[in-house]
Amino acid sequence: MACGAPVVVSNAASLPEVVGDAGLLLPPGNARAWAEALGRVLTDPALRADLRARGLARAAGFTWAAAARATLEVYRQLGLALEN
């Protein structure tokens, strides 16, 4: 997503949480759905552009600063954070 590539991904594990609505999510074992989705991405310029834009926007939220803030919040909730 961060490179601007349209994303086609499995709807299993943590991938839906990461991708959100910025990609096409498919059942991992459904070869027909994968073939159709990949065909759509390859032949539909509007879909490609939409997925690209949504992917770039979604990926922009995954920063080291955001990860550090989220980690610190978990530490605080557990009473493990050091106070300044």
PDB file of N, CA and C in Angstrom:
ATOM      1  N   MET A   1       0.818  -1.185   0.000  1.00  0.00           N
ATOM      2  CA  MET A   1       0.000   0.000   0.000  1.00  0.00           C
ATOM      3  C   MET A   1       0.866   1.255   0.000  1.00  0.00           C
ATOM      4  N   ALA A   2       1.920   1.232   0.783  1.00  0.00           N
ATOM      5  CA  ALA A   2       2.776   2.417   0.900  1.00  0.00           C
ATOM      6  C   ALA A   2       3.481   2.749  -0.405  1.00  0.00           C
ATOM      7  N   CYS A   3       3.589   1.785  -1.302  1.00  0.00           N
ATOM      8  CA  CYS A   3       4.230   2.024  -2.600  1.00  0.00           C
ATOM      9  C   CYS A   3       3.227   2.433  -3.675  1.00  0.00           C
ATOM     10  N   GLY A   4       1.961   2.458  -3.322  1.00  0.00           N
ATOM     11  CA  GLY A   4       0.946   2.838  -4.285  1.00  0.00           C
ATOM     12  C   GLY A   4       0.428   1.689  -5.125  1.00  0.00           C
ATOM     13  N   ALA A   5       0.740   0.475  -4.733  1.00  0.00           N
ATOM     14  CA  ALA A   5       0.230  -0.684  -5.469  1.00  0.00           C
ATOM     15  C   ALA A   5      -1.175  -1.018  -4.977  1.00  0.00           C
ATOM     16  N   PRO A   6      -2.099  -1.350  -5.880  1.00  0.00           N
ATOM     17  CA  PRO A   6      -3.411  -1.796  -5.427  1.00  0.00           C
ATOM     18  C   PRO A   6      -3.253  -3.111  -4.668  1.00  0.00           C
ATOM     19  N   VAL A   7      -4.033  -3.264  -3.612  1.00  0.00           N
ATOM     20  CA  VAL A   7      -3.866  -4.410  -2.721  1.00  0.00           C
ATOM     21  C   VAL A   7      -5.010  -5.403  -2.891  1.00  0.00           C
ATOM     22  N   VAL A   8      -4.662  -6.656  -3.087  1.00  0.00           N
ATOM     23  CA  VAL A   8      -5.589  -7.784  -3.077  1.00  0.00           C
ATOM     24  C   VAL A   8      -5.037  -8.730  -2.025  1.00  0.00           C
ATOM     25  N   VAL A   9      -5.834  -9.010  -0.996  1.00  0.00           N
ATOM     26  CA  VAL A   9      -5.303  -9.712   0.168  1.00  0.00           C
ATOM     27  C   VAL A   9      -6.343 -10.661   0.747  1.00  0.00           C
ATOM     28  N   SER A  10      -5.860 -11.634   1.483  1.00  0.00           N
ATOM     29  CA  SER A  10      -6.726 -12.584   2.157  1.00  0.00           C
ATOM     30  C   SER A  10      -7.520 -11.898   3.261  1.00  0.00           C
ATOM     31  N   ASN A  11      -8.727 -12.367   3.482  1.00  0.00           N
ATOM     32  CA  ASN A  11      -9.552 -11.808   4.554  1.00  0.00           C
ATOM     33  C   ASN A  11      -9.339 -12.569   5.859  1.00  0.00           C
ATOM     34  N   ALA A  12      -8.200 -13.219   5.999  1.00  0.00           N
ATOM     35  CA  ALA A  12      -7.896 -14.005   7.191  1.00  0.00           C
ATOM     36  C   ALA A  12      -6.826 -13.307   8.030  1.00  0.00           C
ATOM     37  N   ALA A  13      -6.700 -13.768   9.244  1.00  0.00           N
ATOM     38  CA  ALA A  13      -5.695 -13.298  10.200  1.00  0.00           C
ATOM     39  C   ALA A  13      -5.826 -11.788  10.429  1.00  0.00           C
ATOM     40  N   SER A  14      -4.718 -11.082  10.490  1.00  0.00           N
ATOM     41  CA  SER A  14      -4.743  -9.648  10.796  1.00  0.00           C
ATOM     42  C   SER A  14      -4.841  -8.777   9.543  1.00  0.00           C
ATOM     43  N   LEU A  15      -4.832  -9.366   8.385  1.00  0.00           N
ATOM     44  CA  LEU A  15      -4.812  -8.584   7.150  1.00  0.00           C
ATOM     45  C   LEU A  15      -6.011  -7.641   6.993  1.00  0.00           C
ATOM     46  N   PRO A  16      -7.234  -8.068   7.299  1.00  0.00           N
ATOM     47  CA  PRO A  16      -8.347  -7.119   7.179  1.00  0.00           C
ATOM     48  C   PRO A  16      -8.177  -5.891   8.086  1.00  0.00           C
ATOM     49  N   GLU A  17      -7.639  -6.093   9.268  1.00  0.00           N
ATOM     50  CA  GLU A  17      -7.415  -4.977  10.190  1.00  0.00           C
ATOM     51  C   GLU A  17      -6.398  -3.993   9.625  1.00  0.00           C
ATOM     52  N   VAL A  18      -5.380  -4.511   8.983  1.00  0.00           N
ATOM     53  CA  VAL A  18      -4.334  -3.648   8.427  1.00  0.00           C
ATOM     54  C   VAL A  18      -4.835  -2.938   7.172  1.00  0.00           C
ATOM     55  N   VAL A  19      -5.437  -3.664   6.281  1.00  0.00           N
ATOM     56  CA  VAL A  19      -5.855  -3.115   4.990  1.00  0.00           C
ATOM     57  C   VAL A  19      -7.102  -2.240   5.107  1.00  0.00           C
ATOM     58  N   GLY A  20      -8.011  -2.607   5.985  1.00  0.00           N
ATOM     59  CA  GLY A  20      -9.257  -1.850   6.104  1.00  0.00           C
ATOM     60  C   GLY A  20     -10.009  -1.872   4.787  1.00  0.00           C
ATOM     61  N   ASP A  21     -10.479  -0.704   4.346  1.00  0.00           N
ATOM     62  CA  ASP A  21     -11.221  -0.633   3.084  1.00  0.00           C
ATOM     63  C   ASP A  21     -10.322  -0.208   1.923  1.00  0.00           C
ATOM     64  N   ALA A  22      -9.017  -0.330   2.125  1.00  0.00           N
ATOM     65  CA  ALA A  22      -8.059   0.127   1.111  1.00  0.00           C
ATOM     66  C   ALA A  22      -7.646  -0.970   0.138  1.00  0.00           C
ATOM     67  N   GLY A  23      -8.282  -2.111   0.210  1.00  0.00           N
ATOM     68  CA  GLY A  23      -7.932  -3.195  -0.700  1.00  0.00           C
ATOM     69  C   GLY A  23      -9.094  -4.140  -0.883  1.00  0.00           C
ATOM     70  N   LEU A  24      -8.920  -5.081  -1.762  1.00  0.00           N
ATOM     71  CA  LEU A  24      -9.915  -6.125  -1.968  1.00  0.00           C
ATOM     72  C   LEU A  24      -9.557  -7.291  -1.060  1.00  0.00           C
ATOM     73  N   LEU A  25     -10.497  -7.710  -0.216  1.00  0.00           N
ATOM     74  CA  LEU A  25     -10.269  -8.804   0.722  1.00  0.00           C
ATOM     75  C   LEU A  25     -11.014 -10.038   0.246  1.00  0.00           C
ATOM     76  N   LEU A  26     -10.301 -11.157   0.204  1.00  0.00           N
ATOM     77  CA  LEU A  26     -10.862 -12.378  -0.373  1.00  0.00           C
ATOM     78  C   LEU A  26     -10.619 -13.584   0.526  1.00  0.00           C
ATOM     79  N   PRO A  27     -11.491 -14.593   0.438  1.00  0.00           N
ATOM     80  CA  PRO A  27     -11.258 -15.821   1.189  1.00  0.00           C
ATOM     81  C   PRO A  27      -9.996 -16.515   0.670  1.00  0.00           C
ATOM     82  N   PRO A  28      -9.133 -16.971   1.555  1.00  0.00           N
ATOM     83  CA  PRO A  28      -7.848 -17.521   1.114  1.00  0.00           C
ATOM     84  C   PRO A  28      -7.961 -18.749   0.210  1.00  0.00           C
ATOM     85  N   GLY A  29      -9.001 -19.524   0.353  1.00  0.00           N
ATOM     86  CA  GLY A  29      -9.096 -20.757  -0.426  1.00  0.00           C
ATOM     87  C   GLY A  29      -9.943 -20.670  -1.677  1.00  0.00           C
ATOM     88  N   ASN A  30     -10.388 -19.500  -2.043  1.00  0.00           N
ATOM     89  CA  ASN A  30     -11.289 -19.357  -3.186  1.00  0.00           C
ATOM     90  C   ASN A  30     -10.517 -18.854  -4.403  1.00  0.00           C
ATOM     91  N   ALA A  31      -9.962 -19.786  -5.162  1.00  0.00           N
ATOM     92  CA  ALA A  31      -9.131 -19.450  -6.318  1.00  0.00           C
ATOM     93  C   ALA A  31      -9.911 -18.641  -7.357  1.00  0.00           C
ATOM     94  N   ARG A  32     -11.170 -18.948  -7.540  1.00  0.00           N
ATOM     95  CA  ARG A  32     -11.982 -18.217  -8.524  1.00  0.00           C
ATOM     96  C   ARG A  32     -12.118 -16.747  -8.126  1.00  0.00           C
ATOM     97  N   ALA A  33     -12.379 -16.477  -6.836  1.00  0.00           N
ATOM     98  CA  ALA A  33     -12.504 -15.094  -6.363  1.00  0.00           C
ATOM     99  C   ALA A  33     -11.194 -14.340  -6.555  1.00  0.00           C
ATOM    100  N   TRP A  34     -10.072 -15.019  -6.310  1.00  0.00           N
ATOM    101  CA  TRP A  34      -8.762 -14.381  -6.493  1.00  0.00           C
ATOM    102  C   TRP A  34      -8.517 -14.049  -7.961  1.00  0.00           C
ATOM    103  N   ALA A  35      -8.826 -14.984  -8.827  1.00  0.00           N
ATOM    104  CA  ALA A  35      -8.630 -14.755 -10.259  1.00  0.00           C
ATOM    105  C   ALA A  35      -9.495 -13.594 -10.737  1.00  0.00           C
ATOM    106  N   GLU A  36     -10.741 -13.548 -10.282  1.00  0.00           N
ATOM    107  CA  GLU A  36     -11.632 -12.466 -10.688  1.00  0.00           C
ATOM    108  C   GLU A  36     -11.153 -11.119 -10.148  1.00  0.00           C
ATOM    109  N   ALA A  37     -10.734 -11.089  -8.883  1.00  0.00           N
ATOM    110  CA  ALA A  37     -10.271  -9.830  -8.282  1.00  0.00           C
ATOM    111  C   ALA A  37      -9.012  -9.326  -8.972  1.00  0.00           C
ATOM    112  N   LEU A  38      -8.081 -10.218  -9.223  1.00  0.00           N
ATOM    113  CA  LEU A  38      -6.856  -9.809  -9.911  1.00  0.00           C
ATOM    114  C   LEU A  38      -7.164  -9.335 -11.327  1.00  0.00           C
ATOM    115  N   GLY A  39      -8.078 -10.011 -11.985  1.00  0.00           N
ATOM    116  CA  GLY A  39      -8.492  -9.578 -13.320  1.00  0.00           C
ATOM    117  C   GLY A  39      -9.111  -8.191 -13.294  1.00  0.00           C
ATOM    118  N   ARG A  40      -9.938  -7.930 -12.293  1.00  0.00           N
ATOM    119  CA  ARG A  40     -10.551  -6.596 -12.159  1.00  0.00           C
ATOM    120  C   ARG A  40      -9.484  -5.535 -11.954  1.00  0.00           C
ATOM    121  N   VAL A  41      -8.530  -5.802 -11.080  1.00  0.00           N
ATOM    122  CA  VAL A  41      -7.478  -4.823 -10.812  1.00  0.00           C
ATOM    123  C   VAL A  41      -6.651  -4.558 -12.064  1.00  0.00           C
ATOM    124  N   LEU A  42      -6.399  -5.592 -12.836  1.00  0.00           N
ATOM    125  CA  LEU A  42      -5.586  -5.433 -14.043  1.00  0.00           C
ATOM    126  C   LEU A  42      -6.326  -4.735 -15.182  1.00  0.00           C
ATOM    127  N   THR A  43      -7.648  -4.852 -15.226  1.00  0.00           N
ATOM    128  CA  THR A  43      -8.391  -4.331 -16.369  1.00  0.00           C
ATOM    129  C   THR A  43      -9.242  -3.096 -16.080  1.00  0.00           C
ATOM    130  N   ASP A  44      -9.374  -2.713 -14.834  1.00  0.00           N
ATOM    131  CA  ASP A  44     -10.230  -1.589 -14.473  1.00  0.00           C
ATOM    132  C   ASP A  44      -9.387  -0.439 -13.921  1.00  0.00           C
ATOM    133  N   PRO A  45      -9.057   0.539 -14.767  1.00  0.00           N
ATOM    134  CA  PRO A  45      -8.204   1.649 -14.328  1.00  0.00           C
ATOM    135  C   PRO A  45      -8.801   2.454 -13.170  1.00  0.00           C
ATOM    136  N   ALA A  46     -10.113   2.602 -13.144  1.00  0.00           N
ATOM    137  CA  ALA A  46     -10.754   3.362 -12.060  1.00  0.00           C
ATOM    138  C   ALA A  46     -10.603   2.627 -10.725  1.00  0.00           C
ATOM    139  N   LEU A  47     -10.800   1.328 -10.738  1.00  0.00           N
ATOM    140  CA  LEU A  47     -10.616   0.530  -9.522  1.00  0.00           C
ATOM    141  C   LEU A  47      -9.173   0.607  -9.064  1.00  0.00           C
ATOM    142  N   ARG A  48      -8.247   0.457  -9.992  1.00  0.00           N
ATOM    143  CA  ARG A  48      -6.819   0.532  -9.673  1.00  0.00           C
ATOM    144  C   ARG A  48      -6.469   1.869  -9.023  1.00  0.00           C
ATOM    145  N   ALA A  49      -6.956   2.944  -9.606  1.00  0.00           N
ATOM    146  CA  ALA A  49      -6.679   4.276  -9.073  1.00  0.00           C
ATOM    147  C   ALA A  49      -7.298   4.458  -7.690  1.00  0.00           C
ATOM    148  N   ASP A  50      -8.514   3.959  -7.510  1.00  0.00           N
ATOM    149  CA  ASP A  50      -9.183   4.070  -6.217  1.00  0.00           C
ATOM    150  C   ASP A  50      -8.433   3.290  -5.137  1.00  0.00           C
ATOM    151  N   LEU A  51      -8.063   2.053  -5.442  1.00  0.00           N
ATOM    152  CA  LEU A  51      -7.326   1.236  -4.475  1.00  0.00           C
ATOM    153  C   LEU A  51      -5.972   1.860  -4.170  1.00  0.00           C
ATOM    154  N   ARG A  52      -5.337   2.405  -5.179  1.00  0.00           N
ATOM    155  CA  ARG A  52      -4.036   3.053  -4.982  1.00  0.00           C
ATOM    156  C   ARG A  52      -4.169   4.233  -4.021  1.00  0.00           C
ATOM    157  N   ALA A  53      -5.148   5.096  -4.256  1.00  0.00           N
ATOM    158  CA  ALA A  53      -5.347   6.277  -3.406  1.00  0.00           C
ATOM    159  C   ALA A  53      -5.715   5.877  -1.978  1.00  0.00           C
ATOM    160  N   ARG A  54      -6.641   4.934  -1.853  1.00  0.00           N
ATOM    161  CA  ARG A  54      -7.035   4.502  -0.511  1.00  0.00           C
ATOM    162  C   ARG A  54      -5.886   3.818   0.208  1.00  0.00           C
ATOM    163  N   GLY A  55      -5.085   3.053  -0.528  1.00  0.00           N
ATOM    164  CA  GLY A  55      -3.942   2.370   0.076  1.00  0.00           C
ATOM    165  C   GLY A  55      -2.891   3.340   0.571  1.00  0.00           C
ATOM    166  N   LEU A  56      -2.578   4.348  -0.217  1.00  0.00           N
ATOM    167  CA  LEU A  56      -1.599   5.351   0.205  1.00  0.00           C
ATOM    168  C   LEU A  56      -2.083   6.079   1.460  1.00  0.00           C
ATOM    169  N   ALA A  57      -3.365   6.437   1.486  1.00  0.00           N
ATOM    170  CA  ALA A  57      -3.918   7.125   2.656  1.00  0.00           C
ATOM    171  C   ALA A  57      -3.882   6.227   3.884  1.00  0.00           C
ATOM    172  N   ARG A  58      -4.234   4.976   3.706  1.00  0.00           N
ATOM    173  CA  ARG A  58      -4.240   4.025   4.840  1.00  0.00           C
ATOM    174  C   ARG A  58      -2.817   3.801   5.343  1.00  0.00           C
ATOM    175  N   ALA A  59      -1.884   3.596   4.452  1.00  0.00           N
ATOM    176  CA  ALA A  59      -0.500   3.332   4.837  1.00  0.00           C
ATOM    177  C   ALA A  59       0.121   4.524   5.551  1.00  0.00           C
ATOM    178  N   ALA A  60      -0.316   5.715   5.227  1.00  0.00           N
ATOM    179  CA  ALA A  60       0.238   6.912   5.867  1.00  0.00           C
ATOM    180  C   ALA A  60      -0.021   6.920   7.367  1.00  0.00           C
ATOM    181  N   GLY A  61      -1.038   6.201   7.818  1.00  0.00           N
ATOM    182  CA  GLY A  61      -1.340   6.125   9.250  1.00  0.00           C
ATOM    183  C   GLY A  61      -0.443   5.187  10.027  1.00  0.00           C
ATOM    184  N   PHE A  62       0.299   4.357   9.325  1.00  0.00           N
ATOM    185  CA  PHE A  62       1.181   3.393   9.986  1.00  0.00           C
ATOM    186  C   PHE A  62       2.584   3.988  10.077  1.00  0.00           C
ATOM    187  N   THR A  63       2.802   4.761  11.137  1.00  0.00           N
ATOM    188  CA  THR A  63       4.097   5.403  11.339  1.00  0.00           C
ATOM    189  C   THR A  63       4.728   4.879  12.615  1.00  0.00           C
ATOM    190  N   TRP A  64       6.037   5.112  12.745  1.00  0.00           N
ATOM    191  CA  TRP A  64       6.713   4.723  13.983  1.00  0.00           C
ATOM    192  C   TRP A  64       6.177   5.522  15.158  1.00  0.00           C
ATOM    193  N   ALA A  65       5.847   6.785  14.937  1.00  0.00           N
ATOM    194  CA  ALA A  65       5.300   7.610  16.015  1.00  0.00           C
ATOM    195  C   ALA A  65       3.958   7.057  16.500  1.00  0.00           C
ATOM    196  N   ALA A  66       3.102   6.651  15.565  1.00  0.00           N
ATOM    197  CA  ALA A  66       1.811   6.080  15.942  1.00  0.00           C
ATOM    198  C   ALA A  66       2.008   4.763  16.689  1.00  0.00           C
ATOM    199  N   ALA A  67       2.938   3.946  16.246  1.00  0.00           N
ATOM    200  CA  ALA A  67       3.217   2.683  16.934  1.00  0.00           C
ATOM    201  C   ALA A  67       3.732   2.935  18.348  1.00  0.00           C
ATOM    202  N   ALA A  68       4.603   3.923  18.499  1.00  0.00           N
ATOM    203  CA  ALA A  68       5.143   4.257  19.824  1.00  0.00           C
ATOM    204  C   ALA A  68       4.036   4.742  20.750  1.00  0.00           C
ATOM    205  N   ARG A  69       3.141   5.596  20.235  1.00  0.00           N
ATOM    206  CA  ARG A  69       2.025   6.087  21.054  1.00  0.00           C
ATOM    207  C   ARG A  69       1.123   4.939  21.497  1.00  0.00           C
ATOM    208  N   ALA A  70       0.805   4.043  20.579  1.00  0.00           N
ATOM    209  CA  ALA A  70      -0.061   2.914  20.909  1.00  0.00           C
ATOM    210  C   ALA A  70       0.608   1.996  21.930  1.00  0.00           C
ATOM    211  N   THR A  71       1.896   1.763  21.774  1.00  0.00           N
ATOM    212  CA  THR A  71       2.628   0.919  22.723  1.00  0.00           C
ATOM    213  C   THR A  71       2.661   1.566  24.098  1.00  0.00           C
ATOM    214  N   LEU A  72       2.928   2.858  24.155  1.00  0.00           N
ATOM    215  CA  LEU A  72       2.953   3.571  25.422  1.00  0.00           C
ATOM    216  C   LEU A  72       1.592   3.505  26.099  1.00  0.00           C
ATOM    217  N   GLU A  73       0.520   3.635  25.330  1.00  0.00           N
ATOM    218  CA  GLU A  73      -0.820   3.559  25.899  1.00  0.00           C
ATOM    219  C   GLU A  73      -1.076   2.194  26.527  1.00  0.00           C
ATOM    220  N   VAL A  74      -0.635   1.125  25.878  1.00  0.00           N
ATOM    221  CA  VAL A  74      -0.784  -0.214  26.457  1.00  0.00           C
ATOM    222  C   VAL A  74       0.007  -0.312  27.757  1.00  0.00           C
ATOM    223  N   TYR A  75       1.238   0.201  27.747  1.00  0.00           N
ATOM    224  CA  TYR A  75       2.053   0.195  28.968  1.00  0.00           C
ATOM    225  C   TYR A  75       1.363   0.973  30.083  1.00  0.00           C
ATOM    226  N   ARG A  76       0.783   2.101  29.748  1.00  0.00           N
ATOM    227  CA  ARG A  76       0.078   2.896  30.765  1.00  0.00           C
ATOM    228  C   ARG A  76      -1.108   2.134  31.329  1.00  0.00           C
ATOM    229  N   GLN A  77      -1.855   1.479  30.459  1.00  0.00           N
ATOM    230  CA  GLN A  77      -3.010   0.707  30.918  1.00  0.00           C
ATOM    231  C   GLN A  77      -2.587  -0.431  31.842  1.00  0.00           C
ATOM    232  N   LEU A  78      -1.417  -0.956  31.628  1.00  0.00           N
ATOM    233  CA  LEU A  78      -0.898  -2.043  32.464  1.00  0.00           C
ATOM    234  C   LEU A  78      -0.147  -1.527  33.681  1.00  0.00           C
ATOM    235  N   GLY A  79      -0.019  -0.203  33.771  1.00  0.00           N
ATOM    236  CA  GLY A  79       0.709   0.373  34.888  1.00  0.00           C
ATOM    237  C   GLY A  79       2.209   0.215  34.772  1.00  0.00           C
ATOM    238  N   LEU A  80       2.712   0.073  33.551  1.00  0.00           N
ATOM    239  CA  LEU A  80       4.133  -0.166  33.328  1.00  0.00           C
ATOM    240  C   LEU A  80       4.891   1.046  32.782  1.00  0.00           C
ATOM    241  N   ALA A  81       4.159   2.114  32.477  1.00  0.00           N
ATOM    242  CA  ALA A  81       4.823   3.271  31.862  1.00  0.00           C
ATOM    243  C   ALA A  81       5.572   4.077  32.921  1.00  0.00           C
ATOM    244  N   LEU A  82       6.741   4.565  32.541  1.00  0.00           N
ATOM    245  CA  LEU A  82       7.503   5.436  33.406  1.00  0.00           C
ATOM    246  C   LEU A  82       6.951   6.843  33.280  1.00  0.00           C
ATOM    247  N   GLU A  83       6.832   7.519  34.396  1.00  0.00           N
ATOM    248  CA  GLU A  83       6.361   8.903  34.361  1.00  0.00           C
ATOM    249  C   GLU A  83       7.538   9.823  34.137  1.00  0.00           C
ATOM    250  N   ASN A  84       7.307  10.942  33.461  1.00  0.00           N
ATOM    251  CA  ASN A  84       8.368  11.937  33.208  1.00  0.00           C
ATOM    252  C   ASN A  84       8.725  12.652  34.473  1.00  0.00           C
TER     253      ASN A  84
END
